[in-house]
Amino acid sequence: MDTSAPSPRVNGELMGRFIGKKVLLVGKNEGTDGSTMTVRTPDEKTVTVQLAAGSPAPATAYVEFEGIVDGAGAMTETSHVDFGDNFDMYTYNELTKEANGRSQALFM
């Protein structure tokens, strides 16, 4: 893991600020169609994730993706971590807003 340039945590609303950049995005699996997964972000936005070629599809309801933001509402996965089937999206969204707001220096 490269810790020299940590990936910022984003929600659906913040993705537009990071186009072309590597980020971490948590979402609830809303369905998979081939190599594309639709997820619902903690702030209730819909994001389309292009899954990494050759990587196993996420196996749980909640997933953290690391990847490159292609545009508002779209990203390409480089890796993912299954977060299980029970995850507090509200609290995670509050953390995401804080990490990109007044407490940003603590997270970057």
N, C-alpha and C. Protein backbone atom coordinates (compact mmCIF):
# COMPACT_ATOMS: atom_id res chain seq x y z
N MET A 1 0.85 -1.18 0.00
CA MET A 1 0.00 0.00 0.00
C MET A 1 0.89 1.24 0.00
N ASP A 2 0.60 2.15 -0.89
CA ASP A 2 1.34 3.41 -1.00
C ASP A 2 0.72 4.43 -0.06
N THR A 3 1.43 4.77 1.01
CA THR A 3 0.91 5.74 1.97
C THR A 3 1.43 7.15 1.71
N SER A 4 2.26 7.33 0.68
CA SER A 4 2.81 8.64 0.38
C SER A 4 1.76 9.59 -0.21
N ALA A 5 0.75 9.05 -0.84
CA ALA A 5 -0.31 9.86 -1.43
C ALA A 5 -1.66 9.20 -1.14
N PRO A 6 -2.18 9.41 0.08
CA PRO A 6 -3.44 8.75 0.43
C PRO A 6 -4.60 9.21 -0.45
N SER A 7 -5.50 8.28 -0.72
CA SER A 7 -6.68 8.58 -1.53
C SER A 7 -7.74 9.23 -0.65
N PRO A 8 -8.32 10.35 -1.08
CA PRO A 8 -9.37 10.97 -0.28
C PRO A 8 -10.65 10.13 -0.30
N ARG A 9 -11.37 10.17 0.79
CA ARG A 9 -12.68 9.52 0.89
C ARG A 9 -13.71 10.50 0.34
N VAL A 10 -14.57 10.00 -0.54
CA VAL A 10 -15.57 10.87 -1.15
C VAL A 10 -16.95 10.23 -1.06
N ASN A 11 -17.97 11.07 -1.18
CA ASN A 11 -19.33 10.59 -1.36
C ASN A 11 -19.74 10.97 -2.79
N GLY A 12 -20.96 10.73 -3.16
CA GLY A 12 -21.40 11.01 -4.52
C GLY A 12 -21.28 12.48 -4.90
N GLU A 13 -21.64 13.35 -3.98
CA GLU A 13 -21.60 14.79 -4.25
C GLU A 13 -20.17 15.29 -4.48
N LEU A 14 -19.22 14.75 -3.75
CA LEU A 14 -17.83 15.22 -3.84
C LEU A 14 -17.07 14.69 -5.05
N MET A 15 -17.59 13.69 -5.72
CA MET A 15 -16.85 13.07 -6.83
C MET A 15 -16.45 14.07 -7.91
N GLY A 16 -17.29 15.04 -8.20
CA GLY A 16 -17.01 16.01 -9.24
C GLY A 16 -15.75 16.82 -9.00
N ARG A 17 -15.32 16.94 -7.75
CA ARG A 17 -14.10 17.67 -7.40
C ARG A 17 -12.84 16.85 -7.67
N PHE A 18 -13.01 15.55 -7.95
CA PHE A 18 -11.85 14.66 -8.05
C PHE A 18 -11.76 13.94 -9.39
N ILE A 19 -12.28 14.52 -10.45
CA ILE A 19 -12.24 13.87 -11.77
C ILE A 19 -10.78 13.65 -12.18
N GLY A 20 -10.49 12.41 -12.57
CA GLY A 20 -9.13 12.04 -12.96
C GLY A 20 -8.22 11.67 -11.81
N LYS A 21 -8.74 11.71 -10.59
CA LYS A 21 -7.95 11.42 -9.39
C LYS A 21 -8.39 10.10 -8.76
N LYS A 22 -7.48 9.51 -7.97
CA LYS A 22 -7.78 8.28 -7.24
C LYS A 22 -8.49 8.64 -5.94
N VAL A 23 -9.58 7.93 -5.64
CA VAL A 23 -10.38 8.18 -4.45
C VAL A 23 -10.82 6.86 -3.82
N LEU A 24 -11.39 6.97 -2.63
CA LEU A 24 -12.07 5.86 -1.96
C LEU A 24 -13.55 6.21 -1.89
N LEU A 25 -14.39 5.28 -2.31
CA LEU A 25 -15.84 5.49 -2.32
C LEU A 25 -16.52 4.26 -1.72
N VAL A 26 -17.37 4.48 -0.73
CA VAL A 26 -18.17 3.40 -0.15
C VAL A 26 -19.57 3.50 -0.72
N GLY A 27 -20.14 2.34 -1.05
CA GLY A 27 -21.50 2.33 -1.56
C GLY A 27 -22.20 1.02 -1.29
N LYS A 28 -23.52 1.07 -1.43
CA LYS A 28 -24.34 -0.13 -1.30
C LYS A 28 -24.60 -0.69 -2.69
N ASN A 29 -24.33 -1.96 -2.87
CA ASN A 29 -24.51 -2.63 -4.15
C ASN A 29 -25.98 -2.61 -4.53
N GLU A 30 -26.28 -1.95 -5.65
CA GLU A 30 -27.65 -1.88 -6.16
C GLU A 30 -27.85 -2.81 -7.35
N GLY A 31 -26.76 -3.43 -7.82
CA GLY A 31 -26.88 -4.37 -8.93
C GLY A 31 -25.65 -4.36 -9.82
N THR A 32 -25.42 -5.50 -10.45
CA THR A 32 -24.28 -5.66 -11.35
C THR A 32 -24.78 -6.05 -12.72
N ASP A 33 -24.18 -5.45 -13.73
CA ASP A 33 -24.50 -5.78 -15.12
C ASP A 33 -23.18 -6.00 -15.85
N GLY A 34 -22.76 -7.26 -15.94
CA GLY A 34 -21.48 -7.57 -16.54
C GLY A 34 -20.33 -7.04 -15.70
N SER A 35 -19.56 -6.12 -16.26
CA SER A 35 -18.40 -5.58 -15.54
C SER A 35 -18.69 -4.21 -14.92
N THR A 36 -19.97 -3.88 -14.77
CA THR A 36 -20.37 -2.60 -14.19
C THR A 36 -21.27 -2.84 -12.99
N MET A 37 -21.00 -2.12 -11.91
CA MET A 37 -21.84 -2.20 -10.71
C MET A 37 -22.43 -0.82 -10.44
N THR A 38 -23.69 -0.80 -10.08
CA THR A 38 -24.35 0.43 -9.65
C THR A 38 -24.39 0.42 -8.13
N VAL A 39 -23.93 1.52 -7.51
CA VAL A 39 -23.94 1.61 -6.06
C VAL A 39 -24.66 2.88 -5.63
N ARG A 40 -25.23 2.81 -4.43
CA ARG A 40 -25.87 3.96 -3.79
C ARG A 40 -24.88 4.47 -2.74
N THR A 41 -24.48 5.74 -2.85
CA THR A 41 -23.50 6.30 -1.94
C THR A 41 -24.14 6.70 -0.61
N PRO A 42 -23.32 7.00 0.40
CA PRO A 42 -23.89 7.39 1.70
C PRO A 42 -24.76 8.64 1.65
N ASP A 43 -24.55 9.50 0.65
CA ASP A 43 -25.39 10.69 0.50
C ASP A 43 -26.50 10.49 -0.52
N GLU A 44 -26.84 9.21 -0.78
CA GLU A 44 -27.98 8.83 -1.61
C GLU A 44 -27.84 9.19 -3.09
N LYS A 45 -26.62 9.24 -3.60
CA LYS A 45 -26.39 9.43 -5.03
C LYS A 45 -26.16 8.07 -5.66
N THR A 46 -26.38 7.97 -6.96
CA THR A 46 -26.13 6.74 -7.70
C THR A 46 -24.83 6.89 -8.47
N VAL A 47 -23.94 5.90 -8.32
CA VAL A 47 -22.65 5.91 -9.00
C VAL A 47 -22.48 4.61 -9.76
N THR A 48 -21.96 4.71 -10.97
CA THR A 48 -21.64 3.54 -11.78
C THR A 48 -20.15 3.27 -11.65
N VAL A 49 -19.82 2.03 -11.25
CA VAL A 49 -18.42 1.63 -11.06
C VAL A 49 -18.06 0.60 -12.12
N GLN A 50 -17.04 0.92 -12.91
CA GLN A 50 -16.49 -0.04 -13.87
C GLN A 50 -15.55 -0.94 -13.08
N LEU A 51 -15.91 -2.22 -12.96
CA LEU A 51 -15.13 -3.14 -12.15
C LEU A 51 -13.81 -3.48 -12.84
N ALA A 52 -12.78 -3.72 -12.02
CA ALA A 52 -11.46 -4.06 -12.54
C ALA A 52 -11.50 -5.40 -13.26
N ALA A 53 -10.87 -5.46 -14.41
CA ALA A 53 -10.82 -6.70 -15.19
C ALA A 53 -10.11 -7.79 -14.40
N GLY A 54 -10.70 -8.97 -14.37
CA GLY A 54 -10.10 -10.11 -13.69
C GLY A 54 -10.27 -10.13 -12.18
N SER A 55 -10.85 -9.09 -11.62
CA SER A 55 -11.07 -9.03 -10.18
C SER A 55 -12.41 -9.67 -9.86
N PRO A 56 -12.49 -10.42 -8.76
CA PRO A 56 -13.80 -10.99 -8.41
C PRO A 56 -14.78 -9.87 -8.06
N ALA A 57 -16.03 -10.07 -8.41
CA ALA A 57 -17.06 -9.07 -8.10
C ALA A 57 -17.25 -8.98 -6.59
N PRO A 58 -17.57 -7.80 -6.08
CA PRO A 58 -17.86 -7.67 -4.66
C PRO A 58 -18.93 -8.66 -4.23
N ALA A 59 -18.76 -9.22 -3.02
CA ALA A 59 -19.63 -10.29 -2.56
C ALA A 59 -20.58 -9.88 -1.44
N THR A 60 -20.53 -8.61 -1.01
CA THR A 60 -21.38 -8.16 0.08
C THR A 60 -22.19 -6.95 -0.34
N ALA A 61 -23.14 -6.56 0.50
CA ALA A 61 -24.01 -5.43 0.19
C ALA A 61 -23.25 -4.10 0.17
N TYR A 62 -22.29 -3.94 1.08
CA TYR A 62 -21.55 -2.68 1.18
C TYR A 62 -20.11 -2.92 0.77
N VAL A 63 -19.60 -1.99 -0.05
CA VAL A 63 -18.27 -2.16 -0.63
C VAL A 63 -17.53 -0.83 -0.62
N GLU A 64 -16.23 -0.89 -0.33
CA GLU A 64 -15.37 0.28 -0.51
C GLU A 64 -14.56 0.07 -1.78
N PHE A 65 -14.66 1.02 -2.69
CA PHE A 65 -13.91 0.98 -3.94
C PHE A 65 -12.77 1.98 -3.89
N GLU A 66 -11.62 1.58 -4.39
CA GLU A 66 -10.55 2.52 -4.69
C GLU A 66 -10.49 2.58 -6.20
N GLY A 67 -10.42 3.78 -6.74
CA GLY A 67 -10.40 3.90 -8.18
C GLY A 67 -10.28 5.33 -8.64
N ILE A 68 -10.34 5.49 -9.95
CA ILE A 68 -10.21 6.80 -10.58
C ILE A 68 -11.59 7.32 -10.95
N VAL A 69 -11.86 8.57 -10.57
CA VAL A 69 -13.14 9.20 -10.91
C VAL A 69 -13.12 9.57 -12.39
N ASP A 70 -14.09 9.04 -13.12
CA ASP A 70 -14.22 9.31 -14.56
C ASP A 70 -15.08 10.55 -14.82
N GLY A 71 -15.95 10.86 -13.91
CA GLY A 71 -16.86 11.99 -14.04
C GLY A 71 -17.82 11.94 -12.86
N ALA A 72 -18.65 12.95 -12.74
CA ALA A 72 -19.64 12.94 -11.66
C ALA A 72 -20.52 11.71 -11.84
N GLY A 73 -20.49 10.82 -10.85
CA GLY A 73 -21.34 9.63 -10.91
C GLY A 73 -20.72 8.44 -11.60
N ALA A 74 -19.41 8.47 -11.89
CA ALA A 74 -18.77 7.33 -12.55
C ALA A 74 -17.32 7.20 -12.12
N MET A 75 -16.90 5.96 -11.90
CA MET A 75 -15.50 5.70 -11.56
C MET A 75 -15.07 4.36 -12.10
N THR A 76 -13.75 4.17 -12.22
CA THR A 76 -13.16 2.91 -12.63
C THR A 76 -12.40 2.34 -11.44
N GLU A 77 -12.78 1.14 -11.03
CA GLU A 77 -12.18 0.48 -9.87
C GLU A 77 -10.75 0.03 -10.15
N THR A 78 -9.89 0.23 -9.15
CA THR A 78 -8.57 -0.41 -9.16
C THR A 78 -8.53 -1.55 -8.15
N SER A 79 -9.32 -1.41 -7.07
CA SER A 79 -9.44 -2.48 -6.07
C SER A 79 -10.69 -2.22 -5.24
N HIS A 80 -11.10 -3.22 -4.48
CA HIS A 80 -12.24 -3.04 -3.58
C HIS A 80 -12.07 -3.90 -2.33
N VAL A 81 -12.82 -3.52 -1.30
CA VAL A 81 -12.87 -4.26 -0.04
C VAL A 81 -14.34 -4.45 0.30
N ASP A 82 -14.74 -5.69 0.55
CA ASP A 82 -16.11 -5.95 0.99
C ASP A 82 -16.27 -5.45 2.42
N PHE A 83 -17.33 -4.69 2.68
CA PHE A 83 -17.60 -4.14 4.00
C PHE A 83 -18.73 -4.87 4.72
N GLY A 84 -19.20 -5.97 4.19
CA GLY A 84 -20.23 -6.75 4.86
C GLY A 84 -21.63 -6.34 4.44
N ASP A 85 -22.60 -6.86 5.17
CA ASP A 85 -24.00 -6.62 4.84
C ASP A 85 -24.70 -5.67 5.80
N ASN A 86 -23.96 -5.12 6.75
CA ASN A 86 -24.52 -4.19 7.73
C ASN A 86 -23.50 -3.08 7.94
N PHE A 87 -23.81 -1.88 7.47
CA PHE A 87 -22.85 -0.78 7.54
C PHE A 87 -23.62 0.52 7.76
N ASP A 88 -23.11 1.38 8.64
CA ASP A 88 -23.76 2.64 8.99
C ASP A 88 -23.39 3.72 7.97
N MET A 89 -24.20 3.85 6.95
CA MET A 89 -23.91 4.81 5.87
C MET A 89 -24.03 6.26 6.34
N TYR A 90 -24.96 6.54 7.26
CA TYR A 90 -25.13 7.91 7.74
C TYR A 90 -23.85 8.41 8.41
N THR A 91 -23.33 7.63 9.35
CA THR A 91 -22.13 8.04 10.07
C THR A 91 -20.94 8.14 9.13
N TYR A 92 -20.83 7.21 8.20
CA TYR A 92 -19.73 7.27 7.23
C TYR A 92 -19.83 8.53 6.38
N ASN A 93 -21.03 8.92 6.00
CA ASN A 93 -21.19 10.15 5.22
C ASN A 93 -20.76 11.37 6.02
N GLU A 94 -21.08 11.39 7.30
CA GLU A 94 -20.64 12.49 8.16
C GLU A 94 -19.12 12.55 8.23
N LEU A 95 -18.47 11.39 8.36
CA LEU A 95 -17.01 11.31 8.36
C LEU A 95 -16.45 11.85 7.03
N THR A 96 -17.05 11.45 5.93
CA THR A 96 -16.60 11.88 4.61
C THR A 96 -16.68 13.40 4.47
N LYS A 97 -17.77 13.98 4.93
CA LYS A 97 -17.92 15.44 4.86
C LYS A 97 -16.87 16.13 5.73
N GLU A 98 -16.63 15.59 6.91
CA GLU A 98 -15.63 16.16 7.82
C GLU A 98 -14.23 16.05 7.22
N ALA A 99 -13.93 14.90 6.61
CA ALA A 99 -12.60 14.66 6.03
C ALA A 99 -12.33 15.57 4.83
N ASN A 100 -13.36 16.11 4.23
CA ASN A 100 -13.20 17.00 3.09
C ASN A 100 -13.55 18.44 3.45
N GLY A 101 -13.77 18.69 4.73
CA GLY A 101 -14.14 20.01 5.20
C GLY A 101 -13.12 20.55 6.18
N ARG A 102 -13.61 20.97 7.32
CA ARG A 102 -12.75 21.66 8.29
C ARG A 102 -11.65 20.78 8.87
N SER A 103 -11.78 19.47 8.84
CA SER A 103 -10.76 18.57 9.39
C SER A 103 -9.89 17.91 8.32
N GLN A 104 -9.88 18.47 7.12
CA GLN A 104 -9.17 17.86 6.00
C GLN A 104 -7.70 17.59 6.30
N ALA A 105 -7.04 18.48 7.03
CA ALA A 105 -5.61 18.30 7.34
C ALA A 105 -5.34 17.03 8.13
N LEU A 106 -6.31 16.56 8.88
CA LEU A 106 -6.13 15.33 9.66
C LEU A 106 -6.14 14.08 8.79
N PHE A 107 -6.74 14.17 7.61
CA PHE A 107 -6.93 13.00 6.76
C PHE A 107 -5.98 12.95 5.58
N MET A 108 -5.26 14.00 5.28
CA MET A 108 -4.38 14.02 4.11
C MET A 108 -2.95 14.22 4.49
